[in-house]
Each structure stands twice: as C-alpha cells, then as structure tokens.
Amino acid sequence: MSGGTRMQKRERQSRILTELRSSATIRIPDLADLFGVSTETIRRDLDQLGESGVLNRTYGGAVARPFGFEPELAQRFGSMRRERERIAAMAAALVQPGEALMIDGGTTTLHFAQRLAVVAEELTVVTNSLPVATALAVNRGVRVVCCPGTYEPREGILIGPDAIAYLDRFQANRMFTSASGLTLEGPTEVNADAAAVKRAMLHRAADRILLLDHAKFEQPSLEVVCPLGGLNRVVTEEPPPAALHAALRDAGVEVLVADGIRA
C-alpha cells in the first residue's frame, strides 16, 4: 500500500494487528508512514487496541500481548463500545421468550446482558459472572441463577470445580460466550480457569454462540477453549479475515455480522 493511501479506522487497526503479528514490536512513526496518517491517529489506534487487550502499549509504539495476560474487565469495558453494542443487539435478537440461556463473563457478554435486560421476556439465565447477573437483575422477567465457586475479582466471575459441577445440573437452549481471541484452532482464553467454565457451559447448550469484535480475530492466547466446530455461530461486527472465515465455514459455523449481513 502506498504511503498516501488512507483507509477506514477498522481496516487500519486490523492491519496494525497484522503488522504486530509479523514483527512483535511496532513503532508509531513507521505505522504513520505506512498508512499515510498522522502519528496522533496511530497513537489513538494503539491506545484503543491496548484498552481492548489485544496489544500492550509501549513508549513510542506497541508490542504483542503476552499469551497469558489481558487487562481486567473494568479496563476493557469502555473500548470498542459501539462495536460491542452492535454485536449485543444482534445476539439479543436471537433469543426467544421462555428460553434458558448460559452466559459467561467478559466485556462483550456484559454488553449483551445489558441489552438483554432491556428487551428480554421470560428468560432463565445461568451465569458465572456477577456483572452479568447484576445487569440482568433489573428485568423482573429474567430469572438469574448464579454459579457457586471461587471469586476471581479481575473479571468478576466465579470459577473452579464447584462452578463446573454446578453447571452439570442444567441444560440451555443457547450459550453465549466471549473469548480473548479467535484463531484457526478455535476461541482462545487467557484465564485457564475461565476457559474450563466456558467448556462446561458449551457442553450443556444446544446452540453455542461466540460474541467477538473484529480486534480479536487471529489473536492467540494461553489456552484454546474448543475447536471451531465446538461453536454453532459467531456474532461479530466485521467479517473475519479470509482464512479464518473459510475455516469457520468448513467447520459448519455460521458467521453473523452485526450490520445485518450474513457472512
């Protein structure tokens, strides 16, 4: 791409992540030259991507995020807000009155719970996330069932063997999950204990739905939660990169793009 060619922010941020996967370290002046934009524009891009947990900001640039770390929930929640709200609205439209759902912890699932609290009718929701439970509690038509377990304060979730054993009592029409990333191997997760709870929920649900913004595409983390075929649908706000999109299709996973386009 020539230095003078400009592109939309989301495309530029996607390209920034591609550059980071290639070199592990990127510098603001180099990116500004590459994309033909100001250093301030690149700085804002890196700040937003850093807040969402997909890279670590450094003085003058950024480095690849360690596989075993991401910012805590409160730090991530404000980033990608518009994208996540679009994802939440599309995901909420999938839910029918009278259904039983499982929802795990995460920023995108919290946006989903907030949306569901506005529009839901006569639901039962099993969750290991106290922020999700609190968001849903304002709707008297939603019965909220919370898992027991060990409290993990960074994410506001309950984890451990008690949570996993408790989930085995239930069956759900749909399970809504988030992830630290999505690769050709499947959804990835930084927190191994959280990944174990996600697997338990996925095992107990008929329709398994991943909610994920575009910054998480091709982002590896410590642990693979399940293979791509362990999902039924991915709800996102931008089509995945070609190779990932093809792998999802081959695995039988439906991709729903939040502008209403079925990819």
C-alpha atoms as a PDB file:
ATOM      1  CA  MET A   1       0.000   0.000   0.000  1.00  0.00           C
ATOM      2  CA  SER A   2       1.375   3.448  -0.892  1.00  0.00           C
ATOM      3  CA  GLY A   3       2.099   5.816   1.954  1.00  0.00           C
ATOM      4  CA  GLY A   4      -0.538   8.307   0.747  1.00  0.00           C
ATOM      5  CA  THR A   5      -3.418   5.829   0.655  1.00  0.00           C
ATOM      6  CA  ARG A   6      -5.877   6.262   3.509  1.00  0.00           C
ATOM      7  CA  MET A   7      -8.248   3.663   4.901  1.00  0.00           C
ATOM      8  CA  GLN A   8     -11.048   3.378   7.416  1.00  0.00           C
ATOM      9  CA  LYS A   9     -10.135   3.101  11.082  1.00  0.00           C
ATOM     10  CA  ARG A  10     -11.250  -0.503  11.499  1.00  0.00           C
ATOM     11  CA  GLU A  11      -9.311  -1.642   8.450  1.00  0.00           C
ATOM     12  CA  ARG A  12      -6.250   0.282   9.621  1.00  0.00           C
ATOM     13  CA  GLN A  13      -6.430  -1.246  13.098  1.00  0.00           C
ATOM     14  CA  SER A  14      -6.761  -4.703  11.582  1.00  0.00           C
ATOM     15  CA  ARG A  15      -3.640  -4.042   9.511  1.00  0.00           C
ATOM     16  CA  ILE A  16      -1.827  -2.791  12.622  1.00  0.00           C
ATOM     17  CA  LEU A  17      -2.517  -6.116  14.326  1.00  0.00           C
ATOM     18  CA  THR A  18      -1.265  -7.951  11.230  1.00  0.00           C
ATOM     19  CA  GLU A  19       1.967  -5.927  11.351  1.00  0.00           C
ATOM     20  CA  LEU A  20       2.330  -6.733  15.053  1.00  0.00           C
ATOM     21  CA  ARG A  21       1.938 -10.463  14.472  1.00  0.00           C
ATOM     22  CA  SER A  22       4.702 -10.255  11.868  1.00  0.00           C
ATOM     23  CA  SER A  23       7.243  -8.273  13.880  1.00  0.00           C
ATOM     24  CA  ALA A  24       6.161  -8.477  17.572  1.00  0.00           C
ATOM     25  CA  THR A  25       7.136  -4.777  18.018  1.00  0.00           C
ATOM     26  CA  ILE A  26       5.821  -1.757  16.106  1.00  0.00           C
ATOM     27  CA  ARG A  27       6.714   1.953  16.218  1.00  0.00           C
ATOM     28  CA  ILE A  28       4.321   4.861  15.776  1.00  0.00           C
ATOM     29  CA  PRO A  29       6.356   6.762  13.123  1.00  0.00           C
ATOM     30  CA  ASP A  30       6.726   3.630  10.991  1.00  0.00           C
ATOM     31  CA  LEU A  31       2.984   2.952  11.118  1.00  0.00           C
ATOM     32  CA  ALA A  32       2.165   6.570  10.319  1.00  0.00           C
ATOM     33  CA  ASP A  33       4.365   6.379   7.208  1.00  0.00           C
ATOM     34  CA  LEU A  34       2.909   3.013   6.211  1.00  0.00           C
ATOM     35  CA  PHE A  35      -0.721   4.136   6.420  1.00  0.00           C
ATOM     36  CA  GLY A  36      -0.273   7.746   5.361  1.00  0.00           C
ATOM     37  CA  VAL A  37      -1.800   9.202   8.526  1.00  0.00           C
ATOM     38  CA  SER A  38      -0.567  11.354  11.405  1.00  0.00           C
ATOM     39  CA  THR A  39       1.306   9.980  14.389  1.00  0.00           C
ATOM     40  CA  GLU A  40      -1.595  11.183  16.568  1.00  0.00           C
ATOM     41  CA  THR A  41      -4.001   8.994  14.575  1.00  0.00           C
ATOM     42  CA  ILE A  42      -1.765   5.965  15.085  1.00  0.00           C
ATOM     43  CA  ARG A  43      -1.362   6.801  18.765  1.00  0.00           C
ATOM     44  CA  ARG A  44      -5.158   6.813  19.191  1.00  0.00           C
ATOM     45  CA  ASP A  45      -5.411   3.495  17.322  1.00  0.00           C
ATOM     46  CA  LEU A  46      -2.806   1.894  19.586  1.00  0.00           C
ATOM     47  CA  ASP A  47      -4.458   3.299  22.705  1.00  0.00           C
ATOM     48  CA  GLN A  48      -7.815   1.821  21.695  1.00  0.00           C
ATOM     49  CA  LEU A  49      -6.321  -1.545  20.798  1.00  0.00           C
ATOM     50  CA  GLY A  50      -4.370  -1.552  24.039  1.00  0.00           C
ATOM     51  CA  GLU A  51      -7.528  -0.859  26.055  1.00  0.00           C
ATOM     52  CA  SER A  52      -9.253  -3.773  24.335  1.00  0.00           C
ATOM     53  CA  GLY A  53      -6.422  -6.070  25.428  1.00  0.00           C
ATOM     54  CA  VAL A  54      -5.064  -7.193  22.051  1.00  0.00           C
ATOM     55  CA  LEU A  55      -1.684  -5.465  22.378  1.00  0.00           C
ATOM     56  CA  ASN A  56       0.494  -3.782  25.002  1.00  0.00           C
ATOM     57  CA  ARG A  57       1.325  -0.112  24.580  1.00  0.00           C
ATOM     58  CA  THR A  58       4.936   0.978  24.942  1.00  0.00           C
ATOM     59  CA  TYR A  59       6.619   4.350  24.763  1.00  0.00           C
ATOM     60  CA  GLY A  60       6.577   5.170  21.063  1.00  0.00           C
ATOM     61  CA  GLY A  61       4.742   2.073  19.877  1.00  0.00           C
ATOM     62  CA  ALA A  62       3.372  -1.306  20.947  1.00  0.00           C
ATOM     63  CA  VAL A  63       4.382  -4.922  21.481  1.00  0.00           C
ATOM     64  CA  ALA A  64       2.491  -8.160  21.101  1.00  0.00           C
ATOM     65  CA  ARG A  65       0.380  -9.078  24.107  1.00  0.00           C
ATOM     66  CA  PRO A  66       1.752 -11.937  26.232  1.00  0.00           C
ATOM     67  CA  PHE A  67      -0.410 -15.016  25.771  1.00  0.00           C
ATOM     68  CA  GLY A  68      -1.194 -15.172  29.484  1.00  0.00           C
ATOM     69  CA  PHE A  69      -2.287 -11.575  30.116  1.00  0.00           C
ATOM     70  CA  GLU A  70      -5.045  -9.115  29.279  1.00  0.00           C
ATOM     71  CA  PRO A  71      -6.325  -6.031  31.165  1.00  0.00           C
ATOM     72  CA  GLU A  72      -9.034  -6.619  33.743  1.00  0.00           C
ATOM     73  CA  LEU A  73     -12.716  -6.281  32.870  1.00  0.00           C
ATOM     74  CA  ALA A  74     -13.134  -2.710  34.139  1.00  0.00           C
ATOM     75  CA  GLN A  75     -10.234  -1.508  31.981  1.00  0.00           C
ATOM     76  CA  ARG A  76     -11.516  -3.227  28.821  1.00  0.00           C
ATOM     77  CA  PHE A  77     -15.204  -2.411  29.110  1.00  0.00           C
ATOM     78  CA  GLY A  78     -15.041   1.098  27.645  1.00  0.00           C
ATOM     79  CA  SER A  79     -13.158   0.119  24.495  1.00  0.00           C
ATOM     80  CA  MET A  80     -14.841  -0.983  21.256  1.00  0.00           C
ATOM     81  CA  ARG A  81     -18.132   0.148  22.832  1.00  0.00           C
ATOM     82  CA  ARG A  82     -20.007   0.844  19.602  1.00  0.00           C
ATOM     83  CA  GLU A  83     -18.821  -2.385  18.019  1.00  0.00           C
ATOM     84  CA  ARG A  84     -19.799  -4.433  21.062  1.00  0.00           C
ATOM     85  CA  GLU A  85     -23.193  -2.769  21.358  1.00  0.00           C
ATOM     86  CA  ARG A  86     -23.939  -3.716  17.740  1.00  0.00           C
ATOM     87  CA  ILE A  87     -22.899  -7.294  18.460  1.00  0.00           C
ATOM     88  CA  ALA A  88     -25.071  -7.309  21.593  1.00  0.00           C
ATOM     89  CA  ALA A  89     -28.126  -6.083  19.697  1.00  0.00           C
ATOM     90  CA  MET A  90     -27.819  -8.797  17.040  1.00  0.00           C
ATOM     91  CA  ALA A  91     -27.211 -11.502  19.656  1.00  0.00           C
ATOM     92  CA  ALA A  92     -30.237 -10.401  21.696  1.00  0.00           C
ATOM     93  CA  ALA A  93     -32.415 -10.752  18.597  1.00  0.00           C
ATOM     94  CA  LEU A  94     -31.587 -14.480  18.528  1.00  0.00           C
ATOM     95  CA  VAL A  95     -33.179 -15.056  21.934  1.00  0.00           C
ATOM     96  CA  GLN A  96     -36.803 -16.194  22.192  1.00  0.00           C
ATOM     97  CA  PRO A  97     -39.160 -15.785  25.189  1.00  0.00           C
ATOM     98  CA  GLY A  98     -39.119 -18.723  27.572  1.00  0.00           C
ATOM     99  CA  GLU A  99     -35.597 -19.878  26.697  1.00  0.00           C
ATOM    100  CA  ALA A 100     -32.905 -20.969  29.127  1.00  0.00           C
ATOM    101  CA  LEU A 101     -29.520 -19.356  28.483  1.00  0.00           C
ATOM    102  CA  MET A 102     -25.990 -19.658  29.794  1.00  0.00           C
ATOM    103  CA  ILE A 103     -23.802 -16.536  29.688  1.00  0.00           C
ATOM    104  CA  ASP A 104     -20.189 -16.426  30.801  1.00  0.00           C
ATOM    105  CA  GLY A 105     -18.061 -13.479  31.844  1.00  0.00           C
ATOM    106  CA  GLY A 106     -16.412 -10.924  29.565  1.00  0.00           C
ATOM    107  CA  THR A 107     -16.806  -7.445  28.156  1.00  0.00           C
ATOM    108  CA  THR A 108     -18.884  -8.382  25.118  1.00  0.00           C
ATOM    109  CA  THR A 109     -21.149 -10.713  27.092  1.00  0.00           C
ATOM    110  CA  LEU A 110     -21.672  -7.899  29.610  1.00  0.00           C
ATOM    111  CA  HIS A 111     -22.796  -5.584  26.801  1.00  0.00           C
ATOM    112  CA  PHE A 112     -25.070  -8.414  25.661  1.00  0.00           C
ATOM    113  CA  ALA A 113     -26.546  -8.796  29.156  1.00  0.00           C
ATOM    114  CA  GLN A 114     -27.234  -5.072  29.350  1.00  0.00           C
ATOM    115  CA  ARG A 115     -29.049  -5.222  26.018  1.00  0.00           C
ATOM    116  CA  LEU A 116     -30.932  -8.358  27.025  1.00  0.00           C
ATOM    117  CA  ALA A 117     -32.113  -6.639  30.222  1.00  0.00           C
ATOM    118  CA  VAL A 118     -33.945  -4.091  28.070  1.00  0.00           C
ATOM    119  CA  VAL A 119     -35.621  -6.433  25.581  1.00  0.00           C
ATOM    120  CA  ALA A 120     -35.892  -9.889  27.210  1.00  0.00           C
ATOM    121  CA  GLU A 121     -39.117 -11.626  28.174  1.00  0.00           C
ATOM    122  CA  GLU A 122     -39.462 -14.625  30.475  1.00  0.00           C
ATOM    123  CA  LEU A 123     -35.928 -15.953  30.417  1.00  0.00           C
ATOM    124  CA  THR A 124     -33.853 -18.092  32.740  1.00  0.00           C
ATOM    125  CA  VAL A 125     -30.136 -17.238  32.668  1.00  0.00           C
ATOM    126  CA  VAL A 126     -27.394 -19.276  34.307  1.00  0.00           C
ATOM    127  CA  THR A 127     -24.157 -17.308  34.676  1.00  0.00           C
ATOM    128  CA  ASN A 128     -20.840 -17.335  36.488  1.00  0.00           C
ATOM    129  CA  SER A 129     -20.476 -13.559  36.051  1.00  0.00           C
ATOM    130  CA  LEU A 130     -21.606 -11.210  38.797  1.00  0.00           C
ATOM    131  CA  PRO A 131     -21.593  -8.178  36.437  1.00  0.00           C
ATOM    132  CA  VAL A 132     -23.824 -10.113  34.013  1.00  0.00           C
ATOM    133  CA  ALA A 133     -26.155 -11.145  36.851  1.00  0.00           C
ATOM    134  CA  THR A 134     -26.352  -7.551  38.102  1.00  0.00           C
ATOM    135  CA  ALA A 135     -27.120  -6.222  34.609  1.00  0.00           C
ATOM    136  CA  LEU A 136     -29.945  -8.739  34.104  1.00  0.00           C
ATOM    137  CA  ALA A 137     -31.434  -8.300  37.574  1.00  0.00           C
ATOM    138  CA  VAL A 138     -33.159  -5.040  36.589  1.00  0.00           C
ATOM    139  CA  ASN A 139     -35.544  -7.035  34.368  1.00  0.00           C
ATOM    140  CA  ARG A 140     -38.098  -8.861  36.504  1.00  0.00           C
ATOM    141  CA  GLY A 141     -38.872 -11.131  33.574  1.00  0.00           C
ATOM    142  CA  VAL A 142     -35.393 -12.669  33.802  1.00  0.00           C
ATOM    143  CA  ARG A 143     -34.676 -15.324  36.396  1.00  0.00           C
ATOM    144  CA  VAL A 144     -30.949 -15.255  37.150  1.00  0.00           C
ATOM    145  CA  VAL A 145     -29.156 -18.337  38.505  1.00  0.00           C
ATOM    146  CA  CYS A 146     -25.565 -17.763  39.701  1.00  0.00           C
ATOM    147  CA  CYS A 147     -22.880 -20.407  39.899  1.00  0.00           C
ATOM    148  CA  PRO A 148     -21.040 -21.043  43.140  1.00  0.00           C
ATOM    149  CA  GLY A 149     -17.260 -21.105  43.147  1.00  0.00           C
ATOM    150  CA  THR A 150     -14.087 -19.142  43.799  1.00  0.00           C
ATOM    151  CA  TYR A 151     -14.428 -15.440  43.056  1.00  0.00           C
ATOM    152  CA  GLU A 152     -11.989 -14.030  40.502  1.00  0.00           C
ATOM    153  CA  PRO A 153     -12.062 -10.233  41.041  1.00  0.00           C
ATOM    154  CA  ARG A 154     -10.299  -9.156  37.831  1.00  0.00           C
ATOM    155  CA  GLU A 155     -13.196 -10.486  35.759  1.00  0.00           C
ATOM    156  CA  GLY A 156     -15.973 -10.578  38.348  1.00  0.00           C
ATOM    157  CA  ILE A 157     -16.527 -14.283  37.713  1.00  0.00           C
ATOM    158  CA  LEU A 158     -16.901 -17.466  39.732  1.00  0.00           C
ATOM    159  CA  ILE A 159     -14.560 -20.287  38.729  1.00  0.00           C
ATOM    160  CA  GLY A 160     -13.264 -23.623  39.944  1.00  0.00           C
ATOM    161  CA  PRO A 161     -14.618 -27.163  40.399  1.00  0.00           C
ATOM    162  CA  ASP A 162     -17.740 -26.075  42.291  1.00  0.00           C
ATOM    163  CA  ALA A 163     -18.820 -23.857  39.389  1.00  0.00           C
ATOM    164  CA  ILE A 164     -18.157 -26.621  36.848  1.00  0.00           C
ATOM    165  CA  ALA A 165     -20.004 -29.280  38.869  1.00  0.00           C
ATOM    166  CA  TYR A 166     -22.977 -26.952  39.375  1.00  0.00           C
ATOM    167  CA  LEU A 167     -23.323 -26.290  35.647  1.00  0.00           C
ATOM    168  CA  ASP A 168     -23.764 -30.027  35.021  1.00  0.00           C
ATOM    169  CA  ARG A 169     -27.271 -29.752  36.557  1.00  0.00           C
ATOM    170  CA  PHE A 170     -28.578 -27.572  33.755  1.00  0.00           C
ATOM    171  CA  GLN A 171     -29.381 -27.624  30.074  1.00  0.00           C
ATOM    172  CA  ALA A 172     -29.646 -24.457  27.992  1.00  0.00           C
ATOM    173  CA  ASN A 173     -31.193 -23.547  24.670  1.00  0.00           C
ATOM    174  CA  ARG A 174     -28.266 -21.215  23.976  1.00  0.00           C
ATOM    175  CA  MET A 175     -24.896 -20.427  25.462  1.00  0.00           C
ATOM    176  CA  PHE A 176     -23.325 -17.011  24.821  1.00  0.00           C
ATOM    177  CA  THR A 177     -19.594 -16.803  25.350  1.00  0.00           C
ATOM    178  CA  SER A 178     -16.798 -14.313  24.769  1.00  0.00           C
ATOM    179  CA  ALA A 179     -13.105 -15.002  24.221  1.00  0.00           C
ATOM    180  CA  SER A 180      -9.697 -13.381  24.359  1.00  0.00           C
ATOM    181  CA  GLY A 181      -9.244 -14.225  20.670  1.00  0.00           C
ATOM    182  CA  LEU A 182     -10.300 -16.439  17.784  1.00  0.00           C
ATOM    183  CA  THR A 183      -7.788 -18.410  15.716  1.00  0.00           C
ATOM    184  CA  LEU A 184      -7.881 -21.270  13.232  1.00  0.00           C
ATOM    185  CA  GLU A 185      -7.689 -23.615  16.226  1.00  0.00           C
ATOM    186  CA  GLY A 186     -10.725 -22.113  17.944  1.00  0.00           C
ATOM    187  CA  PRO A 187     -11.622 -19.473  20.542  1.00  0.00           C
ATOM    188  CA  THR A 188      -8.754 -18.708  22.907  1.00  0.00           C
ATOM    189  CA  GLU A 189      -8.710 -17.597  26.532  1.00  0.00           C
ATOM    190  CA  VAL A 190      -6.090 -16.018  28.796  1.00  0.00           C
ATOM    191  CA  ASN A 191      -7.530 -17.393  32.062  1.00  0.00           C
ATOM    192  CA  ALA A 192      -7.351 -21.203  32.204  1.00  0.00           C
ATOM    193  CA  ASP A 193      -9.950 -21.429  34.997  1.00  0.00           C
ATOM    194  CA  ALA A 194     -12.354 -19.271  32.992  1.00  0.00           C
ATOM    195  CA  ALA A 195     -11.736 -21.492  29.962  1.00  0.00           C
ATOM    196  CA  ALA A 196     -12.763 -24.549  31.984  1.00  0.00           C
ATOM    197  CA  VAL A 197     -16.085 -22.932  32.917  1.00  0.00           C
ATOM    198  CA  LYS A 198     -16.661 -21.950  29.287  1.00  0.00           C
ATOM    199  CA  ARG A 199     -16.193 -25.590  28.243  1.00  0.00           C
ATOM    200  CA  ALA A 200     -18.680 -26.756  30.861  1.00  0.00           C
ATOM    201  CA  MET A 201     -21.268 -24.261  29.604  1.00  0.00           C
ATOM    202  CA  LEU A 202     -20.659 -25.151  25.956  1.00  0.00           C
ATOM    203  CA  HIS A 203     -21.194 -28.813  26.801  1.00  0.00           C
ATOM    204  CA  ARG A 204     -24.630 -28.100  28.290  1.00  0.00           C
ATOM    205  CA  ALA A 205     -26.049 -25.893  25.498  1.00  0.00           C
ATOM    206  CA  ALA A 206     -27.779 -26.747  22.229  1.00  0.00           C
ATOM    207  CA  ASP A 207     -26.802 -23.526  20.415  1.00  0.00           C
ATOM    208  CA  ARG A 208     -23.264 -22.315  21.188  1.00  0.00           C
ATOM    209  CA  ILE A 209     -22.665 -18.679  20.227  1.00  0.00           C
ATOM    210  CA  LEU A 210     -19.405 -16.725  20.383  1.00  0.00           C
ATOM    211  CA  LEU A 211     -19.644 -12.915  20.653  1.00  0.00           C
ATOM    212  CA  LEU A 212     -16.446 -11.313  19.384  1.00  0.00           C
ATOM    213  CA  ASP A 213     -15.324  -7.944  17.999  1.00  0.00           C
ATOM    214  CA  HIS A 214     -13.001  -7.760  14.990  1.00  0.00           C
ATOM    215  CA  ALA A 215      -9.904  -6.872  17.047  1.00  0.00           C
ATOM    216  CA  LYS A 216      -9.944 -10.414  18.469  1.00  0.00           C
ATOM    217  CA  PHE A 217      -9.630 -12.155  15.099  1.00  0.00           C
ATOM    218  CA  GLU A 218      -6.445 -14.246  14.809  1.00  0.00           C
ATOM    219  CA  GLN A 219      -5.453 -13.380  18.380  1.00  0.00           C
ATOM    220  CA  PRO A 220      -3.832 -16.335  20.171  1.00  0.00           C
ATOM    221  CA  SER A 221      -3.950 -16.631  23.955  1.00  0.00           C
ATOM    222  CA  LEU A 222      -2.818 -19.108  26.581  1.00  0.00           C
ATOM    223  CA  GLU A 223      -5.473 -21.746  26.016  1.00  0.00           C
ATOM    224  CA  VAL A 224      -7.757 -22.947  23.231  1.00  0.00           C
ATOM    225  CA  VAL A 225     -11.265 -23.292  24.665  1.00  0.00           C
ATOM    226  CA  CYS A 226     -12.641 -25.630  21.990  1.00  0.00           C
ATOM    227  CA  PRO A 227     -12.165 -26.358  18.285  1.00  0.00           C
ATOM    228  CA  LEU A 228     -14.047 -24.174  15.813  1.00  0.00           C
ATOM    229  CA  GLY A 229     -16.555 -26.974  15.375  1.00  0.00           C
ATOM    230  CA  GLY A 230     -17.473 -26.649  19.047  1.00  0.00           C
ATOM    231  CA  LEU A 231     -19.313 -23.443  18.115  1.00  0.00           C
ATOM    232  CA  ASN A 232     -22.533 -23.051  16.144  1.00  0.00           C
ATOM    233  CA  ARG A 233     -22.352 -19.318  15.449  1.00  0.00           C
ATOM    234  CA  VAL A 234     -20.074 -16.321  15.712  1.00  0.00           C
ATOM    235  CA  VAL A 235     -21.646 -12.882  16.079  1.00  0.00           C
ATOM    236  CA  THR A 236     -19.278 -10.073  15.181  1.00  0.00           C
ATOM    237  CA  GLU A 237     -19.386  -6.607  13.619  1.00  0.00           C
ATOM    238  CA  GLU A 238     -16.977  -7.193  10.742  1.00  0.00           C
ATOM    239  CA  PRO A 239     -16.354 -10.247   8.540  1.00  0.00           C
ATOM    240  CA  PRO A 240     -13.344 -12.306   9.653  1.00  0.00           C
ATOM    241  CA  PRO A 241     -10.136 -12.419   7.582  1.00  0.00           C
ATOM    242  CA  ALA A 242     -10.366 -14.761   4.601  1.00  0.00           C
ATOM    243  CA  ALA A 243      -8.515 -17.756   6.056  1.00  0.00           C
ATOM    244  CA  LEU A 244     -10.400 -17.636   9.354  1.00  0.00           C
ATOM    245  CA  HIS A 245     -13.702 -17.107   7.559  1.00  0.00           C
ATOM    246  CA  ALA A 246     -13.052 -20.166   5.385  1.00  0.00           C
ATOM    247  CA  ALA A 247     -12.113 -22.273   8.410  1.00  0.00           C
ATOM    248  CA  LEU A 248     -15.320 -21.279  10.200  1.00  0.00           C
ATOM    249  CA  ARG A 249     -17.376 -22.152   7.132  1.00  0.00           C
ATOM    250  CA  ASP A 250     -15.647 -25.523   6.781  1.00  0.00           C
ATOM    251  CA  ALA A 251     -16.351 -26.228  10.469  1.00  0.00           C
ATOM    252  CA  GLY A 252     -20.056 -25.529   9.942  1.00  0.00           C
ATOM    253  CA  VAL A 253     -20.035 -22.319  11.992  1.00  0.00           C
ATOM    254  CA  GLU A 254     -22.462 -19.593  10.918  1.00  0.00           C
ATOM    255  CA  VAL A 255     -20.983 -16.079  10.946  1.00  0.00           C
ATOM    256  CA  LEU A 256     -23.444 -13.275  11.698  1.00  0.00           C
ATOM    257  CA  VAL A 257     -22.213  -9.744  11.043  1.00  0.00           C
ATOM    258  CA  ALA A 258     -23.931  -7.139  13.189  1.00  0.00           C
ATOM    259  CA  ASP A 259     -24.850  -4.814  10.335  1.00  0.00           C
ATOM    260  CA  GLY A 260     -27.369  -7.483   9.353  1.00  0.00           C
ATOM    261  CA  ILE A 261     -25.271  -9.192   6.657  1.00  0.00           C
ATOM    262  CA  ARG A 262     -24.960 -12.968   6.915  1.00  0.00           C
ATOM    263  CA  ALA A 263     -21.363 -13.773   6.009  1.00  0.00           C
END
